[in-house]
């Protein structure tokens, strides 16, 4: 799933900063043999230190929930095969 699949303008103002955190982490994620690697606690920690921010526990939970949805979407697309992507 490309992070840009959902235009930030379509999101309520209150969630845009959290979406931006997720997309930055998403863009820096690693790739494994079977697809994108999950965003790790270490990734989140490093992002906070580099960005000079401190996410609340709730915000970290939301980033991890967004990541789970993104990974599930990728897995579903891969299982459907290249001919079926984007036909939902």
N, C-alpha and C. Protein backbone atom coordinates (compact mmCIF):
# COMPACT_ATOMS: atom_id res chain seq x y z
N UNK A 1 0.85 -1.19 0.00
CA UNK A 1 0.00 0.00 0.00
C UNK A 1 0.88 1.23 0.00
N UNK A 2 0.64 2.08 -0.95
CA UNK A 2 1.39 3.32 -0.97
C UNK A 2 0.76 4.29 0.02
N UNK A 3 1.58 4.94 0.80
CA UNK A 3 1.07 5.90 1.79
C UNK A 3 0.31 7.02 1.11
N UNK A 4 0.68 7.33 -0.12
CA UNK A 4 0.00 8.41 -0.82
C UNK A 4 -1.36 7.99 -1.36
N UNK A 5 -1.76 6.72 -1.15
CA UNK A 5 -3.06 6.24 -1.63
C UNK A 5 -4.21 7.03 -1.00
N UNK A 6 -4.01 7.58 0.15
CA UNK A 6 -5.02 8.41 0.79
C UNK A 6 -4.48 9.83 0.84
N UNK A 7 -5.14 10.71 0.13
CA UNK A 7 -4.70 12.10 0.10
C UNK A 7 -4.89 12.72 1.47
N UNK A 8 -3.89 13.41 1.94
CA UNK A 8 -3.94 14.02 3.27
C UNK A 8 -5.08 15.02 3.36
N UNK A 9 -5.45 15.64 2.25
CA UNK A 9 -6.55 16.61 2.26
C UNK A 9 -7.88 15.95 2.62
N UNK A 10 -8.00 14.64 2.42
CA UNK A 10 -9.24 13.93 2.72
C UNK A 10 -9.37 13.63 4.21
N UNK A 11 -8.32 13.84 4.96
CA UNK A 11 -8.33 13.53 6.39
C UNK A 11 -8.76 14.73 7.21
N UNK A 12 -9.44 14.49 8.33
CA UNK A 12 -9.75 15.60 9.24
C UNK A 12 -8.44 16.24 9.74
N UNK A 13 -8.48 17.54 9.95
CA UNK A 13 -7.28 18.27 10.40
C UNK A 13 -6.65 17.65 11.64
N UNK A 14 -7.46 17.16 12.55
CA UNK A 14 -6.95 16.66 13.82
C UNK A 14 -6.05 15.42 13.66
N UNK A 15 -6.23 14.64 12.59
CA UNK A 15 -5.42 13.43 12.43
C UNK A 15 -4.26 13.58 11.44
N UNK A 16 -4.20 14.71 10.75
CA UNK A 16 -3.14 14.89 9.76
C UNK A 16 -1.73 14.80 10.32
N UNK A 17 -1.44 15.38 11.49
CA UNK A 17 -0.07 15.24 12.02
C UNK A 17 0.31 13.77 12.27
N UNK A 18 -0.62 13.00 12.78
CA UNK A 18 -0.34 11.58 13.03
C UNK A 18 -0.17 10.82 11.72
N UNK A 19 -0.99 11.15 10.72
CA UNK A 19 -0.84 10.53 9.40
C UNK A 19 0.53 10.86 8.82
N UNK A 20 0.99 12.10 9.00
CA UNK A 20 2.30 12.49 8.50
C UNK A 20 3.42 11.71 9.17
N UNK A 21 3.28 11.46 10.48
CA UNK A 21 4.27 10.62 11.18
C UNK A 21 4.28 9.23 10.57
N UNK A 22 3.09 8.66 10.39
CA UNK A 22 3.01 7.32 9.81
C UNK A 22 3.65 7.28 8.42
N UNK A 23 3.33 8.26 7.57
CA UNK A 23 3.87 8.22 6.21
C UNK A 23 5.40 8.38 6.20
N UNK A 24 5.93 9.18 7.10
CA UNK A 24 7.40 9.29 7.17
C UNK A 24 8.01 7.96 7.60
N UNK A 25 7.42 7.32 8.58
CA UNK A 25 7.92 6.01 9.00
C UNK A 25 7.73 4.98 7.89
N UNK A 26 6.61 5.04 7.22
CA UNK A 26 6.31 4.11 6.12
C UNK A 26 7.35 4.23 5.01
N UNK A 27 7.70 5.45 4.66
CA UNK A 27 8.66 5.67 3.59
C UNK A 27 10.05 5.17 3.95
N UNK A 28 10.34 5.07 5.24
CA UNK A 28 11.66 4.61 5.67
C UNK A 28 11.71 3.14 6.05
N UNK A 29 10.61 2.45 5.90
CA UNK A 29 10.57 1.04 6.32
C UNK A 29 11.43 0.16 5.44
N UNK A 30 11.87 -0.94 6.01
CA UNK A 30 12.67 -1.90 5.27
C UNK A 30 11.80 -2.84 4.46
N UNK A 31 12.45 -3.57 3.56
CA UNK A 31 11.78 -4.57 2.74
C UNK A 31 12.33 -5.93 3.08
N UNK A 32 11.45 -6.88 3.24
CA UNK A 32 11.85 -8.26 3.44
C UNK A 32 11.62 -9.04 2.16
N UNK A 33 11.88 -10.33 2.21
CA UNK A 33 11.70 -11.20 1.05
C UNK A 33 10.23 -11.22 0.63
N UNK A 34 9.32 -11.20 1.59
CA UNK A 34 7.90 -11.32 1.27
C UNK A 34 7.15 -9.98 1.28
N UNK A 35 7.88 -8.89 1.30
CA UNK A 35 7.22 -7.59 1.27
C UNK A 35 7.78 -6.64 2.30
N UNK A 36 7.03 -5.57 2.59
CA UNK A 36 7.52 -4.57 3.54
C UNK A 36 7.62 -5.12 4.96
N UNK A 37 8.64 -4.67 5.65
CA UNK A 37 8.82 -5.05 7.06
C UNK A 37 7.94 -4.16 7.93
N UNK A 38 7.48 -4.69 9.05
CA UNK A 38 6.70 -3.85 9.96
C UNK A 38 7.53 -2.68 10.49
N UNK A 39 6.87 -1.60 10.83
CA UNK A 39 7.52 -0.49 11.51
C UNK A 39 7.80 -0.97 12.94
N UNK A 40 9.05 -0.90 13.35
CA UNK A 40 9.44 -1.44 14.65
C UNK A 40 9.43 -0.38 15.74
N UNK A 41 9.49 -0.86 16.99
CA UNK A 41 9.63 0.06 18.13
C UNK A 41 10.90 0.90 17.96
N UNK A 42 11.95 0.27 17.43
CA UNK A 42 13.20 0.98 17.22
C UNK A 42 13.05 2.08 16.17
N UNK A 43 12.27 1.79 15.12
CA UNK A 43 12.00 2.80 14.09
C UNK A 43 11.28 4.00 14.71
N UNK A 44 10.28 3.72 15.53
CA UNK A 44 9.51 4.79 16.16
C UNK A 44 10.39 5.59 17.11
N UNK A 45 11.20 4.90 17.88
CA UNK A 45 12.10 5.58 18.82
C UNK A 45 13.09 6.47 18.07
N UNK A 46 13.70 5.93 17.03
CA UNK A 46 14.67 6.70 16.25
C UNK A 46 13.98 7.90 15.59
N UNK A 47 12.79 7.71 15.07
CA UNK A 47 12.07 8.81 14.44
C UNK A 47 11.82 9.94 15.44
N UNK A 48 11.39 9.59 16.63
CA UNK A 48 11.13 10.61 17.65
C UNK A 48 12.40 11.39 17.98
N UNK A 49 13.53 10.68 18.12
CA UNK A 49 14.78 11.35 18.45
C UNK A 49 15.24 12.28 17.32
N UNK A 50 15.16 11.79 16.10
CA UNK A 50 15.62 12.58 14.95
C UNK A 50 14.69 13.77 14.70
N UNK A 51 13.39 13.55 14.83
CA UNK A 51 12.42 14.61 14.57
C UNK A 51 12.28 15.57 15.75
N UNK A 52 12.82 15.18 16.90
CA UNK A 52 12.73 16.04 18.08
C UNK A 52 11.32 16.13 18.63
N UNK A 53 10.57 15.03 18.51
CA UNK A 53 9.21 15.00 19.04
C UNK A 53 9.06 13.86 20.02
N UNK A 54 7.99 13.90 20.78
CA UNK A 54 7.68 12.82 21.71
C UNK A 54 6.23 12.42 21.50
N UNK A 55 6.04 11.26 20.92
CA UNK A 55 4.68 10.77 20.69
C UNK A 55 4.10 10.21 21.99
N UNK A 56 2.83 10.44 22.19
CA UNK A 56 2.16 9.85 23.35
C UNK A 56 1.97 8.35 23.11
N UNK A 57 1.66 7.63 24.16
CA UNK A 57 1.43 6.18 24.03
C UNK A 57 0.29 5.92 23.04
N UNK A 58 -0.76 6.76 23.11
CA UNK A 58 -1.89 6.61 22.20
C UNK A 58 -1.45 6.83 20.75
N UNK A 59 -0.63 7.83 20.51
CA UNK A 59 -0.16 8.10 19.15
C UNK A 59 0.68 6.95 18.61
N UNK A 60 1.53 6.39 19.45
CA UNK A 60 2.33 5.24 19.03
C UNK A 60 1.42 4.07 18.70
N UNK A 61 0.40 3.86 19.52
CA UNK A 61 -0.56 2.78 19.25
C UNK A 61 -1.27 2.99 17.92
N UNK A 62 -1.60 4.23 17.61
CA UNK A 62 -2.28 4.52 16.34
C UNK A 62 -1.34 4.30 15.15
N UNK A 63 -0.07 4.69 15.29
CA UNK A 63 0.90 4.45 14.21
C UNK A 63 1.03 2.95 13.97
N UNK A 64 1.09 2.18 15.05
CA UNK A 64 1.21 0.73 14.91
C UNK A 64 -0.06 0.12 14.31
N UNK A 65 -1.23 0.69 14.64
CA UNK A 65 -2.48 0.20 14.06
C UNK A 65 -2.53 0.52 12.56
N UNK A 66 -2.11 1.72 12.18
CA UNK A 66 -2.05 2.08 10.76
C UNK A 66 -1.10 1.15 10.02
N UNK A 67 0.02 0.82 10.65
CA UNK A 67 0.99 -0.07 10.04
C UNK A 67 0.38 -1.46 9.83
N UNK A 68 -0.36 -1.95 10.82
CA UNK A 68 -0.99 -3.26 10.68
C UNK A 68 -1.97 -3.28 9.51
N UNK A 69 -2.73 -2.21 9.34
CA UNK A 69 -3.67 -2.11 8.22
C UNK A 69 -2.90 -2.07 6.90
N UNK A 70 -1.83 -1.29 6.86
CA UNK A 70 -1.03 -1.19 5.63
C UNK A 70 -0.44 -2.54 5.25
N UNK A 71 0.12 -3.25 6.23
CA UNK A 71 0.72 -4.56 5.94
C UNK A 71 -0.33 -5.57 5.51
N UNK A 72 -1.50 -5.51 6.13
CA UNK A 72 -2.59 -6.42 5.74
C UNK A 72 -3.02 -6.13 4.30
N UNK A 73 -3.07 -4.86 3.93
CA UNK A 73 -3.44 -4.48 2.57
C UNK A 73 -2.42 -5.00 1.56
N UNK A 74 -1.15 -4.88 1.90
CA UNK A 74 -0.09 -5.38 1.01
C UNK A 74 -0.20 -6.89 0.86
N UNK A 75 -0.40 -7.59 1.98
CA UNK A 75 -0.51 -9.05 1.93
C UNK A 75 -1.70 -9.48 1.08
N UNK A 76 -2.81 -8.77 1.22
CA UNK A 76 -4.00 -9.08 0.44
C UNK A 76 -3.73 -8.86 -1.05
N UNK A 77 -3.06 -7.77 -1.38
CA UNK A 77 -2.73 -7.48 -2.78
C UNK A 77 -1.79 -8.54 -3.35
N UNK A 78 -0.82 -8.96 -2.55
CA UNK A 78 0.13 -9.97 -3.02
C UNK A 78 -0.56 -11.31 -3.22
N UNK A 79 -1.50 -11.64 -2.33
CA UNK A 79 -2.23 -12.90 -2.45
C UNK A 79 -3.13 -12.91 -3.68
N UNK A 80 -3.67 -11.74 -4.03
CA UNK A 80 -4.56 -11.63 -5.18
C UNK A 80 -3.79 -11.75 -6.49
N UNK A 81 -2.53 -11.39 -6.45
CA UNK A 81 -1.71 -11.46 -7.66
C UNK A 81 -1.74 -10.15 -8.42
N UNK A 82 -0.81 -9.99 -9.34
CA UNK A 82 -0.67 -8.72 -10.07
C UNK A 82 -1.90 -8.38 -10.92
N UNK A 83 -2.64 -9.37 -11.38
CA UNK A 83 -3.81 -9.09 -12.24
C UNK A 83 -4.99 -8.56 -11.44
N UNK A 84 -5.00 -8.77 -10.13
CA UNK A 84 -6.15 -8.41 -9.32
C UNK A 84 -5.95 -7.15 -8.48
N UNK A 85 -4.74 -6.59 -8.44
CA UNK A 85 -4.47 -5.41 -7.62
C UNK A 85 -5.33 -4.25 -8.05
N UNK A 86 -5.90 -3.58 -7.02
CA UNK A 86 -6.68 -2.37 -7.25
C UNK A 86 -8.06 -2.62 -7.84
N UNK A 87 -8.55 -3.86 -7.79
CA UNK A 87 -9.86 -4.15 -8.37
C UNK A 87 -10.94 -4.26 -7.31
N UNK A 88 -10.66 -3.87 -6.10
CA UNK A 88 -11.65 -3.98 -5.02
C UNK A 88 -12.68 -2.91 -5.13
